[in-house]
């Protein structure tokens, strides 16, 4: 792959906001409202795992 010309601006780095209690950005049908308390807790744990263990690897590879 050829190098980009020196006057080409760098692409912005994505920001992964995976806070466990953050409102979902793409829950267009409000499925989150249908979750039980146990399912909501599982979703929070999953988001915590993604933020702590997966996002650093993804961001490092970007």
Protein backbone atom coordinates (compact mmCIF):
# COMPACT_ATOMS: atom_id res chain seq x y z
CA UNK A 1 0.00 0.00 0.00
CA UNK A 2 1.40 3.39 -0.97
CA UNK A 3 2.02 6.04 1.65
CA UNK A 4 -0.46 8.91 1.81
CA UNK A 5 0.77 12.27 0.53
CA UNK A 6 2.19 14.47 3.28
CA UNK A 7 -0.59 17.06 2.86
CA UNK A 8 -3.32 14.47 3.54
CA UNK A 9 -4.91 15.07 6.96
CA UNK A 10 -4.86 12.20 9.42
CA UNK A 11 -8.11 10.39 10.00
CA UNK A 12 -9.68 10.97 13.41
CA UNK A 13 -9.38 8.14 15.92
CA UNK A 14 -12.70 6.64 16.98
CA UNK A 15 -13.76 7.10 20.57
CA UNK A 16 -15.25 4.03 22.19
CA UNK A 17 -17.58 5.09 24.98
CA UNK A 18 -18.54 1.79 26.56
CA UNK A 19 -19.55 3.00 29.99
CA UNK A 20 -21.70 0.25 31.55
CA UNK A 21 -24.58 2.58 32.42
CA UNK A 22 -24.50 4.60 29.22
CA UNK A 23 -27.71 4.82 27.23
CA UNK A 24 -27.56 2.70 24.07
CA UNK A 25 -27.03 4.71 20.90
CA UNK A 26 -28.77 2.29 18.56
CA UNK A 27 -31.74 0.99 20.54
CA UNK A 28 -34.22 2.36 18.03
CA UNK A 29 -37.00 0.04 19.19
CA UNK A 30 -36.41 0.53 22.94
CA UNK A 31 -35.56 -3.11 23.51
CA UNK A 32 -33.68 -2.03 26.62
CA UNK A 33 -37.01 -1.26 28.25
CA UNK A 34 -38.08 -4.89 27.77
CA UNK A 35 -35.11 -6.34 29.69
CA UNK A 36 -35.58 -7.81 33.13
CA UNK A 37 -33.39 -6.61 35.99
CA UNK A 38 -31.19 -9.70 35.58
CA UNK A 39 -30.80 -9.09 31.85
CA UNK A 40 -29.96 -5.43 32.45
CA UNK A 41 -27.30 -6.48 34.98
CA UNK A 42 -25.86 -8.92 32.43
CA UNK A 43 -25.75 -6.15 29.83
CA UNK A 44 -23.91 -3.88 32.30
CA UNK A 45 -21.37 -6.64 33.00
CA UNK A 46 -20.88 -7.20 29.26
CA UNK A 47 -20.35 -3.49 28.64
CA UNK A 48 -17.88 -3.35 31.53
CA UNK A 49 -15.93 -6.28 30.05
CA UNK A 50 -15.91 -4.66 26.61
CA UNK A 51 -14.69 -1.36 28.04
CA UNK A 52 -11.97 -2.91 30.20
CA UNK A 53 -10.68 -5.84 28.13
CA UNK A 54 -11.72 -5.42 24.50
CA UNK A 55 -11.63 -1.67 23.80
CA UNK A 56 -7.92 -1.25 24.67
CA UNK A 57 -6.99 -3.96 22.15
CA UNK A 58 -9.23 -2.48 19.45
CA UNK A 59 -8.01 1.06 20.06
CA UNK A 60 -4.39 -0.14 19.99
CA UNK A 61 -4.95 -1.74 16.61
CA UNK A 62 -6.66 1.29 15.10
